[in-house]
Amino acid sequence: MNKGTSGIAAIGLATGAALLSRGASAQNPISSGTSTRTATFMVSVIVDSDCLISGTNALSFGHTGPRLKTSAVAALAQTDQATHFSVTCSKNTRYTLYLDQGSVANSTVNARLMAGTNAGNTDKLLYQLYLDPAYSTMWGDASSSSSNNVSGIGNGAPQAYTVYGRILDQNMPNSDLYSSIITASLTF
């Protein structure tokens, strides 16, 4: 009988220890990650104002020839042409657009010149760039003598501009290809 009793007693002790063990953990729970602590941080960015000139195309007058004036002097006929480009500026960025006098020596905003490309040809061809299709307002370069320019406010999308060009009445230069490089500038 002792064997049976000690077996029952051992089972009773083991069961009691298990019950005590469960009871102790119910009274003193181990932390299960239910507490929360927080911290904050700032996210920021500075969006700079920026502008871009794009889509520039050559202003080509094509072929032109002489016409006779009443004085029988060969003269170059007035020829008109236009080109386009775009300005893209970040939203609400104020900008001003200028066109310089060109790359030919002695050219000015009031008297823009193209030079011949053949060796030995010193002739110049007089032309002008205008802001309007009526060819009444010359496009300026921000110098004090040429205040005509375009001002705008960026909207984040390309804004199209037209340059109206005119070869002015003048004595006929030598036959040649005449050209100049114009620089468009933005201040913002």
Protein backbone atom coordinates (compact mmCIF):
# COMPACT_ATOMS: atom_id res chain seq x y z
CA MET A 1 0.00 0.00 0.00
CA ASN A 2 2.81 2.27 0.56
CA LYS A 3 3.71 2.09 -3.05
CA GLY A 4 0.25 3.13 -4.12
CA THR A 5 -0.03 5.87 -1.56
CA SER A 6 3.27 7.43 -2.35
CA GLY A 7 2.34 7.35 -6.06
CA ILE A 8 -0.91 9.16 -5.33
CA ALA A 9 0.84 11.56 -3.04
CA ALA A 10 3.45 12.29 -5.69
CA ILE A 11 0.73 12.96 -8.27
CA GLY A 12 -1.08 15.17 -5.79
CA LEU A 13 2.08 17.13 -5.08
CA ALA A 14 2.86 17.57 -8.77
CA THR A 15 -0.69 18.72 -9.47
CA GLY A 16 -0.60 21.13 -6.55
CA ALA A 17 2.75 22.54 -7.69
CA ALA A 18 1.31 23.09 -11.19
CA LEU A 19 -1.72 24.88 -9.73
CA LEU A 20 0.52 27.02 -7.54
CA SER A 21 2.69 27.79 -10.55
CA ARG A 22 -0.34 28.97 -12.60
CA GLY A 23 -1.67 30.98 -9.73
CA ALA A 24 1.65 32.76 -9.22
CA SER A 25 1.93 33.76 -12.87
CA ALA A 26 -1.63 35.07 -12.90
CA GLN A 27 -0.86 37.32 -9.96
CA ASN A 28 2.53 38.57 -11.31
CA PRO A 29 2.30 38.70 -15.13
CA ILE A 30 5.53 38.99 -17.10
CA SER A 31 5.54 42.16 -19.32
CA SER A 32 4.12 41.31 -22.72
CA GLY A 33 4.92 44.60 -24.60
CA THR A 34 1.64 46.39 -23.93
CA SER A 35 3.29 49.60 -22.72
CA THR A 36 4.02 52.30 -25.37
CA ARG A 37 6.48 55.14 -25.49
CA THR A 38 6.54 57.72 -28.33
CA ALA A 39 8.91 60.27 -29.79
CA THR A 40 8.39 62.74 -32.62
CA PHE A 41 10.63 64.16 -35.33
CA MET A 42 10.14 66.74 -38.06
CA VAL A 43 10.22 66.04 -41.78
CA SER A 44 11.02 69.10 -43.91
CA VAL A 45 12.27 70.24 -47.30
CA ILE A 46 13.05 73.62 -48.82
CA VAL A 47 11.71 73.97 -52.36
CA ASP A 48 13.97 76.40 -54.20
CA SER A 49 12.79 78.66 -57.00
CA ASP A 50 14.08 77.48 -60.34
CA CYS A 51 13.53 78.28 -64.01
CA LEU A 52 14.45 76.66 -67.30
CA ILE A 53 14.44 77.85 -70.93
CA SER A 54 13.70 75.02 -73.35
CA GLY A 55 12.54 74.27 -76.86
CA THR A 56 14.64 76.96 -78.48
CA ASN A 57 14.60 76.87 -82.26
CA ALA A 58 16.63 78.74 -84.85
CA LEU A 59 15.10 81.88 -86.29
CA SER A 60 15.62 81.23 -89.99
CA PHE A 61 14.71 83.85 -92.58
CA GLY A 62 15.35 81.34 -95.34
CA HIS A 63 16.46 82.79 -98.70
CA THR A 64 16.06 86.47 -99.49
CA GLY A 65 17.08 88.53 -102.46
CA PRO A 66 17.50 92.11 -103.61
CA ARG A 67 14.84 94.48 -104.78
CA LEU A 68 15.44 97.69 -106.66
CA LYS A 69 14.72 100.96 -104.93
CA THR A 70 13.59 103.96 -106.95
CA SER A 71 17.22 105.09 -106.95
CA ALA A 72 18.13 101.86 -108.79
CA VAL A 73 20.30 100.76 -105.86
CA ALA A 74 19.92 97.11 -104.99
CA ALA A 75 18.42 96.76 -101.55
CA LEU A 76 17.56 93.85 -99.34
CA ALA A 77 13.82 93.35 -98.98
CA GLN A 78 12.26 93.46 -95.53
CA THR A 79 11.63 89.90 -94.37
CA ASP A 80 9.68 88.78 -91.29
CA GLN A 81 9.88 85.48 -89.44
CA ALA A 82 9.17 84.10 -85.94
CA THR A 83 10.44 81.41 -83.59
CA HIS A 84 9.32 80.02 -80.26
CA PHE A 85 10.69 78.72 -76.97
CA SER A 86 9.33 77.93 -73.52
CA VAL A 87 10.06 79.04 -69.98
CA THR A 88 9.25 76.76 -67.06
CA CYS A 89 9.53 78.17 -63.54
CA SER A 90 8.47 76.74 -60.21
CA LYS A 91 5.08 77.91 -58.97
CA ASN A 92 4.78 81.58 -58.01
CA THR A 93 8.37 82.34 -59.08
CA ARG A 94 8.56 85.81 -60.64
CA TYR A 95 10.90 86.00 -63.61
CA THR A 96 12.06 88.36 -66.35
CA LEU A 97 13.20 87.19 -69.77
CA TYR A 98 15.78 89.06 -71.90
CA LEU A 99 17.43 88.61 -75.31
CA ASP A 100 20.96 89.96 -75.81
CA GLN A 101 22.36 91.88 -78.80
CA GLY A 102 23.86 88.78 -80.39
CA SER A 103 27.36 87.46 -80.98
CA VAL A 104 28.47 89.76 -83.83
CA ALA A 105 30.94 92.53 -82.99
CA ASN A 106 29.41 96.04 -82.85
CA SER A 107 25.90 94.62 -82.61
CA THR A 108 23.60 96.43 -80.16
CA VAL A 109 20.06 95.79 -78.98
CA ASN A 110 18.92 98.79 -81.05
CA ALA A 111 20.84 97.61 -84.14
CA ARG A 112 21.35 93.85 -84.11
CA LEU A 113 23.75 92.53 -86.74
CA MET A 114 24.43 89.25 -88.50
CA ALA A 115 27.85 88.60 -90.07
CA GLY A 116 28.69 86.68 -93.22
CA THR A 117 30.43 83.32 -92.90
CA ASN A 118 32.61 83.43 -96.06
CA ALA A 119 36.25 84.36 -95.53
CA GLY A 120 36.91 87.99 -96.41
CA ASN A 121 33.26 89.07 -96.28
CA THR A 122 33.05 92.02 -93.87
CA ASP A 123 29.45 92.93 -94.70
CA LYS A 124 26.87 92.93 -91.93
CA LEU A 125 23.14 92.40 -92.19
CA LEU A 126 20.83 94.51 -90.00
CA TYR A 127 17.90 92.79 -88.29
CA GLN A 128 15.75 93.20 -85.19
CA LEU A 129 13.90 91.04 -82.64
CA TYR A 130 10.48 92.10 -81.37
CA LEU A 131 8.12 91.24 -78.53
CA ASP A 132 4.94 91.64 -80.56
CA PRO A 133 3.55 90.54 -83.95
CA ALA A 134 3.13 94.21 -84.93
CA TYR A 135 6.96 94.54 -84.86
CA SER A 136 6.71 97.67 -82.74
CA THR A 137 8.55 96.80 -79.48
CA MET A 138 12.18 95.64 -79.66
CA TRP A 139 13.13 92.85 -77.28
CA GLY A 140 15.64 94.21 -74.71
CA ASP A 141 18.64 92.82 -72.87
CA ALA A 142 18.19 94.42 -69.40
CA SER A 143 20.60 97.24 -70.10
CA SER A 144 19.46 100.74 -69.22
CA SER A 145 19.04 101.57 -72.92
CA SER A 146 16.71 98.62 -73.56
CA SER A 147 14.14 98.06 -70.88
CA ASN A 148 11.74 96.03 -73.05
CA ASN A 149 11.48 92.49 -71.77
CA VAL A 150 8.95 89.88 -70.73
CA SER A 151 7.96 89.35 -67.11
CA GLY A 152 5.94 86.48 -65.79
CA ILE A 153 5.06 84.28 -62.85
CA GLY A 154 5.84 80.59 -62.99
CA ASN A 155 3.08 78.02 -62.69
CA GLY A 156 5.23 74.87 -62.83
CA ALA A 157 4.35 74.25 -66.50
CA PRO A 158 6.02 75.44 -69.73
CA GLN A 159 4.92 78.90 -70.84
CA ALA A 160 5.44 79.58 -74.57
CA TYR A 161 6.99 82.76 -75.96
CA THR A 162 7.33 83.97 -79.52
CA VAL A 163 10.24 86.00 -80.88
CA TYR A 164 9.34 88.03 -83.95
CA GLY A 165 12.31 88.73 -86.23
CA ARG A 166 12.65 91.19 -89.06
CA ILE A 167 15.41 91.84 -91.58
CA LEU A 168 15.29 95.59 -92.07
CA ASP A 169 15.48 97.56 -95.32
CA GLN A 170 19.15 98.10 -96.15
CA ASN A 171 21.66 98.14 -98.95
CA MET A 172 22.27 94.71 -100.43
CA PRO A 173 25.20 92.89 -98.75
CA ASN A 174 27.39 90.31 -100.47
CA SER A 175 25.80 86.94 -101.20
CA ASP A 176 26.59 84.77 -98.18
CA LEU A 177 25.10 82.96 -95.20
CA TYR A 178 24.65 85.55 -92.42
CA SER A 179 24.17 84.56 -88.79
CA SER A 180 24.41 85.57 -85.14
CA ILE A 181 23.92 83.74 -81.85
CA ILE A 182 21.34 85.23 -79.48
CA THR A 183 21.43 84.42 -75.77
CA ALA A 184 18.12 84.34 -73.90
CA SER A 185 18.49 85.04 -70.17
CA LEU A 186 16.15 84.63 -67.23
CA THR A 187 16.39 86.42 -63.91
CA PHE A 188 14.25 85.09 -61.07
